[in-house]
N, C-alpha and C. Protein backbone atom coordinates (compact mmCIF):
# COMPACT_ATOMS: atom_id res chain seq x y z
N MET A 1 16.87 19.58 5.90
CA MET A 1 15.51 19.45 5.43
C MET A 1 15.56 18.66 4.13
N THR A 2 14.67 17.70 4.02
CA THR A 2 14.63 16.90 2.80
C THR A 2 13.94 17.70 1.69
N GLU A 3 14.14 17.26 0.45
CA GLU A 3 13.46 17.93 -0.67
C GLU A 3 11.95 17.82 -0.52
N LYS A 4 11.48 16.68 -0.02
CA LYS A 4 10.03 16.49 0.18
C LYS A 4 9.49 17.47 1.23
N GLU A 5 10.23 17.64 2.34
CA GLU A 5 9.82 18.60 3.38
C GLU A 5 9.83 20.02 2.82
N GLN A 6 10.86 20.34 2.05
CA GLN A 6 10.95 21.66 1.45
C GLN A 6 9.77 21.92 0.52
N GLN A 7 9.45 20.95 -0.32
CA GLN A 7 8.33 21.13 -1.26
C GLN A 7 7.01 21.28 -0.52
N GLN A 8 6.84 20.53 0.57
CA GLN A 8 5.60 20.65 1.34
C GLN A 8 5.46 22.04 1.95
N LEU A 9 6.55 22.59 2.47
CA LEU A 9 6.51 23.95 3.01
C LEU A 9 6.20 24.97 1.92
N ILE A 10 6.73 24.77 0.72
CA ILE A 10 6.42 25.66 -0.39
C ILE A 10 4.95 25.52 -0.77
N ASP A 11 4.46 24.29 -0.86
CA ASP A 11 3.05 24.05 -1.20
C ASP A 11 2.11 24.66 -0.18
N ASP A 12 2.53 24.64 1.09
CA ASP A 12 1.72 25.22 2.18
C ASP A 12 1.86 26.73 2.27
N HIS A 13 2.69 27.32 1.39
CA HIS A 13 2.97 28.76 1.37
C HIS A 13 3.67 29.24 2.63
N PHE A 14 4.48 28.36 3.23
CA PHE A 14 5.24 28.73 4.42
C PHE A 14 6.70 29.00 4.11
N LEU A 15 7.23 28.38 3.07
CA LEU A 15 8.63 28.58 2.74
C LEU A 15 8.73 29.61 1.63
N PHE A 16 9.54 30.62 1.84
CA PHE A 16 9.66 31.69 0.87
C PHE A 16 10.56 31.26 -0.28
N ASP A 17 10.30 31.85 -1.42
CA ASP A 17 11.03 31.56 -2.65
C ASP A 17 12.04 32.65 -2.92
N LYS A 18 12.99 32.37 -3.79
CA LYS A 18 13.98 33.37 -4.17
C LYS A 18 13.28 34.58 -4.77
N PRO A 19 13.61 35.78 -4.31
CA PRO A 19 12.93 36.98 -4.81
C PRO A 19 13.21 37.19 -6.30
N VAL A 20 12.18 37.69 -6.99
CA VAL A 20 12.33 38.00 -8.41
C VAL A 20 12.01 39.47 -8.69
N SER A 21 11.50 40.18 -7.71
CA SER A 21 11.17 41.59 -7.88
C SER A 21 12.43 42.39 -8.15
N PRO A 22 12.43 43.25 -9.18
CA PRO A 22 13.60 44.08 -9.46
C PRO A 22 14.03 44.93 -8.27
N LEU A 23 13.07 45.42 -7.48
CA LEU A 23 13.41 46.23 -6.31
C LEU A 23 14.15 45.41 -5.27
N LEU A 24 13.66 44.19 -5.03
CA LEU A 24 14.32 43.34 -4.04
C LEU A 24 15.69 42.88 -4.53
N LEU A 25 15.78 42.57 -5.81
CA LEU A 25 17.06 42.14 -6.37
C LEU A 25 18.09 43.28 -6.31
N ALA A 26 17.65 44.50 -6.63
CA ALA A 26 18.55 45.66 -6.60
C ALA A 26 19.04 45.95 -5.19
N SER A 27 18.23 45.59 -4.20
CA SER A 27 18.62 45.83 -2.80
C SER A 27 19.62 44.81 -2.29
N GLY A 28 19.85 43.77 -3.10
CA GLY A 28 20.78 42.72 -2.68
C GLY A 28 20.13 41.63 -1.88
N MET A 29 18.80 41.60 -1.83
CA MET A 29 18.10 40.63 -1.00
C MET A 29 18.39 39.18 -1.41
N ALA A 30 18.61 38.93 -2.69
CA ALA A 30 18.83 37.56 -3.15
C ALA A 30 20.30 37.15 -3.11
N ARG A 31 21.13 38.04 -2.64
CA ARG A 31 22.56 37.73 -2.55
C ARG A 31 22.75 36.49 -1.67
N ASP A 32 23.54 35.56 -2.14
CA ASP A 32 23.86 34.32 -1.42
C ASP A 32 22.64 33.46 -1.11
N TRP A 33 21.59 33.59 -1.92
CA TRP A 33 20.37 32.79 -1.70
C TRP A 33 20.71 31.32 -1.80
N PRO A 34 20.25 30.41 -0.97
CA PRO A 34 19.39 30.60 0.20
C PRO A 34 20.14 30.64 1.52
N ASP A 35 21.45 30.81 1.48
CA ASP A 35 22.23 30.83 2.72
C ASP A 35 21.76 31.95 3.64
N ALA A 36 21.95 31.74 4.93
CA ALA A 36 21.63 32.72 5.97
C ALA A 36 20.14 32.99 6.07
N ARG A 37 19.33 32.04 5.71
CA ARG A 37 17.88 32.18 5.83
C ARG A 37 17.34 30.92 6.50
N GLY A 38 16.23 31.05 7.18
CA GLY A 38 15.69 29.87 7.83
C GLY A 38 14.24 30.01 8.19
N ILE A 39 13.66 28.88 8.51
CA ILE A 39 12.28 28.83 8.99
C ILE A 39 12.21 27.81 10.12
N TRP A 40 11.52 28.17 11.17
CA TRP A 40 11.23 27.26 12.26
C TRP A 40 9.73 27.26 12.47
N HIS A 41 9.16 26.11 12.75
CA HIS A 41 7.71 26.04 12.98
C HIS A 41 7.40 24.91 13.96
N ASN A 42 6.24 25.05 14.60
CA ASN A 42 5.80 23.98 15.48
C ASN A 42 5.24 22.84 14.62
N ASP A 43 4.89 21.74 15.26
CA ASP A 43 4.45 20.56 14.52
C ASP A 43 3.22 20.80 13.66
N ASN A 44 2.26 21.58 14.14
CA ASN A 44 1.04 21.79 13.34
C ASN A 44 1.11 23.06 12.49
N LYS A 45 2.29 23.67 12.42
CA LYS A 45 2.56 24.84 11.57
C LYS A 45 1.61 26.01 11.84
N SER A 46 1.24 26.18 13.09
CA SER A 46 0.42 27.33 13.45
C SER A 46 1.26 28.46 14.03
N PHE A 47 2.55 28.19 14.23
CA PHE A 47 3.48 29.21 14.72
C PHE A 47 4.78 29.05 13.95
N LEU A 48 5.19 30.12 13.25
CA LEU A 48 6.39 30.06 12.41
C LEU A 48 7.29 31.25 12.69
N VAL A 49 8.57 31.06 12.49
CA VAL A 49 9.53 32.15 12.57
C VAL A 49 10.36 32.10 11.29
N TRP A 50 10.33 33.19 10.54
CA TRP A 50 11.15 33.32 9.33
C TRP A 50 12.34 34.19 9.68
N VAL A 51 13.51 33.79 9.25
CA VAL A 51 14.73 34.58 9.45
C VAL A 51 15.27 34.99 8.09
N ASN A 52 15.43 36.29 7.92
CA ASN A 52 16.03 36.87 6.71
C ASN A 52 15.23 36.60 5.44
N GLU A 53 13.93 36.71 5.52
CA GLU A 53 13.14 36.72 4.30
C GLU A 53 13.14 38.18 3.87
N GLU A 54 12.03 38.90 3.86
CA GLU A 54 12.09 40.34 3.58
C GLU A 54 12.43 41.12 4.85
N ASP A 55 12.04 40.60 5.98
CA ASP A 55 12.36 41.21 7.27
C ASP A 55 13.55 40.45 7.86
N HIS A 56 14.20 41.04 8.83
CA HIS A 56 15.26 40.30 9.52
C HIS A 56 14.65 39.12 10.25
N LEU A 57 13.52 39.37 10.87
CA LEU A 57 12.84 38.33 11.63
C LEU A 57 11.34 38.56 11.51
N ARG A 58 10.62 37.51 11.18
CA ARG A 58 9.17 37.62 11.10
C ARG A 58 8.58 36.48 11.92
N VAL A 59 7.78 36.83 12.90
CA VAL A 59 7.12 35.84 13.74
C VAL A 59 5.66 35.79 13.31
N ILE A 60 5.21 34.60 12.97
CA ILE A 60 3.86 34.43 12.44
C ILE A 60 3.09 33.48 13.34
N SER A 61 2.00 33.95 13.89
CA SER A 61 1.14 33.11 14.70
C SER A 61 -0.21 33.01 14.02
N MET A 62 -0.62 31.79 13.74
CA MET A 62 -1.89 31.59 13.06
C MET A 62 -2.91 30.94 13.99
N GLU A 63 -2.70 31.15 15.28
CA GLU A 63 -3.69 30.66 16.24
C GLU A 63 -4.92 31.55 16.15
N LYS A 64 -6.08 30.96 16.29
CA LYS A 64 -7.32 31.74 16.27
C LYS A 64 -7.61 32.19 17.69
N ARG A 65 -7.06 33.36 18.03
CA ARG A 65 -7.18 33.82 19.41
C ARG A 65 -7.72 35.22 19.52
N GLY A 66 -7.79 35.96 18.46
CA GLY A 66 -8.23 37.35 18.54
C GLY A 66 -9.68 37.47 18.91
N THR A 67 -10.04 38.69 19.29
CA THR A 67 -11.42 38.92 19.72
C THR A 67 -12.19 39.82 18.77
N GLY A 68 -11.51 40.62 17.96
CA GLY A 68 -12.25 41.51 17.09
C GLY A 68 -11.40 42.57 16.41
N GLY A 69 -10.10 42.46 16.51
CA GLY A 69 -9.25 43.44 15.86
C GLY A 69 -8.58 44.36 16.85
N VAL A 70 -7.63 45.14 16.34
CA VAL A 70 -6.81 45.97 17.22
C VAL A 70 -7.57 47.12 17.86
N ASP A 71 -8.72 47.45 17.34
CA ASP A 71 -9.49 48.56 17.91
C ASP A 71 -10.57 48.09 18.88
N THR A 72 -10.46 46.86 19.35
CA THR A 72 -11.46 46.34 20.29
C THR A 72 -10.82 46.16 21.66
N ALA A 73 -11.66 46.13 22.67
CA ALA A 73 -11.18 45.96 24.03
C ALA A 73 -10.72 44.52 24.25
N ALA A 74 -9.84 44.34 25.21
CA ALA A 74 -9.42 43.00 25.59
C ALA A 74 -10.59 42.25 26.18
N VAL A 75 -10.66 40.97 25.91
CA VAL A 75 -11.71 40.11 26.46
C VAL A 75 -11.02 39.07 27.33
N GLY A 76 -11.26 39.13 28.65
CA GLY A 76 -10.56 38.23 29.55
C GLY A 76 -9.07 38.53 29.47
N SER A 77 -8.28 37.50 29.14
CA SER A 77 -6.83 37.71 29.01
C SER A 77 -6.39 37.66 27.56
N VAL A 78 -7.33 37.87 26.62
CA VAL A 78 -7.00 37.85 25.20
C VAL A 78 -6.94 39.28 24.68
N PHE A 79 -5.83 39.63 24.04
CA PHE A 79 -5.61 40.96 23.49
C PHE A 79 -5.33 40.85 22.00
N ASP A 80 -5.90 41.75 21.21
CA ASP A 80 -5.51 41.90 19.82
C ASP A 80 -4.44 42.98 19.81
N VAL A 81 -3.26 42.64 19.34
CA VAL A 81 -2.09 43.49 19.52
C VAL A 81 -1.81 44.36 18.30
N SER A 82 -1.60 45.62 18.56
CA SER A 82 -1.08 46.58 17.60
C SER A 82 0.06 47.27 18.31
N ASN A 83 1.21 47.35 17.67
CA ASN A 83 2.41 47.88 18.33
C ASN A 83 2.14 49.15 19.11
N ALA A 84 1.76 50.20 18.41
CA ALA A 84 1.63 51.51 19.05
C ALA A 84 0.44 51.57 19.98
N ASP A 85 -0.70 51.02 19.55
CA ASP A 85 -1.91 51.13 20.35
C ASP A 85 -1.86 50.31 21.64
N ARG A 86 -1.39 49.08 21.55
CA ARG A 86 -1.44 48.19 22.71
C ARG A 86 -0.13 48.12 23.48
N LEU A 87 0.98 48.18 22.77
CA LEU A 87 2.26 48.05 23.44
C LEU A 87 2.87 49.40 23.80
N GLY A 88 2.38 50.45 23.16
CA GLY A 88 2.85 51.79 23.48
C GLY A 88 4.20 52.15 22.89
N SER A 89 4.64 51.37 21.90
CA SER A 89 5.91 51.69 21.24
C SER A 89 5.85 51.26 19.79
N SER A 90 6.67 51.89 18.98
CA SER A 90 6.69 51.59 17.55
C SER A 90 7.55 50.36 17.27
N GLU A 91 7.49 49.87 16.04
CA GLU A 91 8.34 48.75 15.64
C GLU A 91 9.82 49.12 15.80
N VAL A 92 10.15 50.35 15.43
CA VAL A 92 11.54 50.79 15.53
C VAL A 92 12.00 50.73 16.98
N GLU A 93 11.16 51.21 17.90
CA GLU A 93 11.52 51.17 19.32
C GLU A 93 11.64 49.74 19.82
N GLN A 94 10.77 48.85 19.35
CA GLN A 94 10.84 47.45 19.77
C GLN A 94 12.10 46.78 19.24
N VAL A 95 12.45 47.04 17.99
CA VAL A 95 13.68 46.48 17.43
C VAL A 95 14.89 47.01 18.18
N GLN A 96 14.88 48.30 18.51
CA GLN A 96 16.00 48.88 19.27
C GLN A 96 16.15 48.21 20.62
N LEU A 97 15.02 47.87 21.27
CA LEU A 97 15.08 47.14 22.54
C LEU A 97 15.77 45.79 22.37
N VAL A 98 15.47 45.10 21.27
CA VAL A 98 16.12 43.82 20.99
C VAL A 98 17.61 44.02 20.76
N VAL A 99 17.98 45.02 19.96
CA VAL A 99 19.39 45.31 19.69
C VAL A 99 20.12 45.62 20.99
N ASP A 100 19.53 46.48 21.81
CA ASP A 100 20.15 46.84 23.09
C ASP A 100 20.27 45.62 24.00
N GLY A 101 19.23 44.77 23.99
CA GLY A 101 19.25 43.57 24.82
C GLY A 101 20.33 42.59 24.40
N VAL A 102 20.48 42.40 23.11
CA VAL A 102 21.52 41.49 22.61
C VAL A 102 22.91 42.04 22.94
N LYS A 103 23.07 43.36 22.77
CA LYS A 103 24.36 43.98 23.10
C LYS A 103 24.68 43.77 24.58
N LEU A 104 23.69 43.96 25.44
CA LEU A 104 23.89 43.77 26.87
C LEU A 104 24.25 42.31 27.18
N MET A 105 23.57 41.38 26.54
CA MET A 105 23.86 39.96 26.80
C MET A 105 25.29 39.60 26.37
N VAL A 106 25.75 40.16 25.26
CA VAL A 106 27.14 39.91 24.82
C VAL A 106 28.11 40.46 25.85
N GLU A 107 27.85 41.68 26.33
CA GLU A 107 28.72 42.27 27.35
C GLU A 107 28.71 41.42 28.63
N MET A 108 27.55 40.93 29.02
CA MET A 108 27.45 40.09 30.21
C MET A 108 28.23 38.79 30.02
N GLU A 109 28.09 38.19 28.86
CA GLU A 109 28.78 36.93 28.58
C GLU A 109 30.29 37.11 28.65
N LYS A 110 30.78 38.23 28.12
CA LYS A 110 32.22 38.50 28.17
C LYS A 110 32.71 38.61 29.61
N LYS A 111 31.92 39.28 30.46
CA LYS A 111 32.30 39.41 31.87
C LYS A 111 32.28 38.04 32.55
N LEU A 112 31.26 37.25 32.26
CA LEU A 112 31.17 35.92 32.87
C LEU A 112 32.34 35.04 32.45
N GLU A 113 32.76 35.16 31.19
CA GLU A 113 33.90 34.38 30.71
C GLU A 113 35.17 34.73 31.48
N LYS A 114 35.25 35.98 31.95
CA LYS A 114 36.41 36.42 32.72
C LYS A 114 36.24 36.12 34.21
N GLY A 115 35.11 35.50 34.57
CA GLY A 115 34.85 35.18 35.97
C GLY A 115 34.35 36.35 36.77
N GLN A 116 33.90 37.40 36.10
CA GLN A 116 33.42 38.61 36.78
C GLN A 116 31.91 38.53 37.01
N SER A 117 31.47 39.27 37.99
CA SER A 117 30.05 39.33 38.32
C SER A 117 29.30 40.22 37.32
N ILE A 118 28.05 39.87 37.06
CA ILE A 118 27.20 40.70 36.20
C ILE A 118 26.02 41.27 36.96
N ASP A 119 26.03 41.13 38.28
CA ASP A 119 24.90 41.60 39.09
C ASP A 119 24.54 43.04 38.83
N ASP A 120 25.56 43.89 38.65
CA ASP A 120 25.31 45.31 38.45
C ASP A 120 24.78 45.62 37.03
N MET A 121 24.81 44.64 36.15
CA MET A 121 24.37 44.86 34.77
C MET A 121 22.92 44.43 34.54
N ILE A 122 22.33 43.76 35.50
CA ILE A 122 20.97 43.25 35.34
C ILE A 122 19.99 44.42 35.46
N PRO A 123 19.23 44.67 34.38
CA PRO A 123 18.30 45.81 34.42
C PRO A 123 17.19 45.62 35.44
N ALA A 124 16.71 46.73 35.93
CA ALA A 124 15.56 46.70 36.85
C ALA A 124 14.30 46.35 36.07
N GLN A 125 13.37 45.71 36.73
CA GLN A 125 12.09 45.38 36.11
C GLN A 125 11.28 46.63 35.87
N LYS A 126 10.60 46.69 34.72
CA LYS A 126 9.76 47.86 34.43
C LYS A 126 8.34 47.60 34.84
């Protein structure tokens, strides 16, 4: 990323800055700054993914698609999403699903590298 691109992301409030909060600094959040951090975005910057800012992963969608908030009914195929209310699981449960999924993919990859089948490891559809 060029310095000009970096400055534009900062000006647009999309690129995070080195933490200065005593709580964040005490937690080690600024350790090795800015290594191991990243941002990905689409061309019009309406969809962004932050890696290792305050969260491990933060997905930000700024599309104007909602209908009225998390306490409203779905309209057509548009849903306003709240983890527990709409998805039926907490953030912790969702993160655990990702952890379990990544672990399974690593195990599958190891078997494939050995030329073994992974058919028995493919989870059933829910």
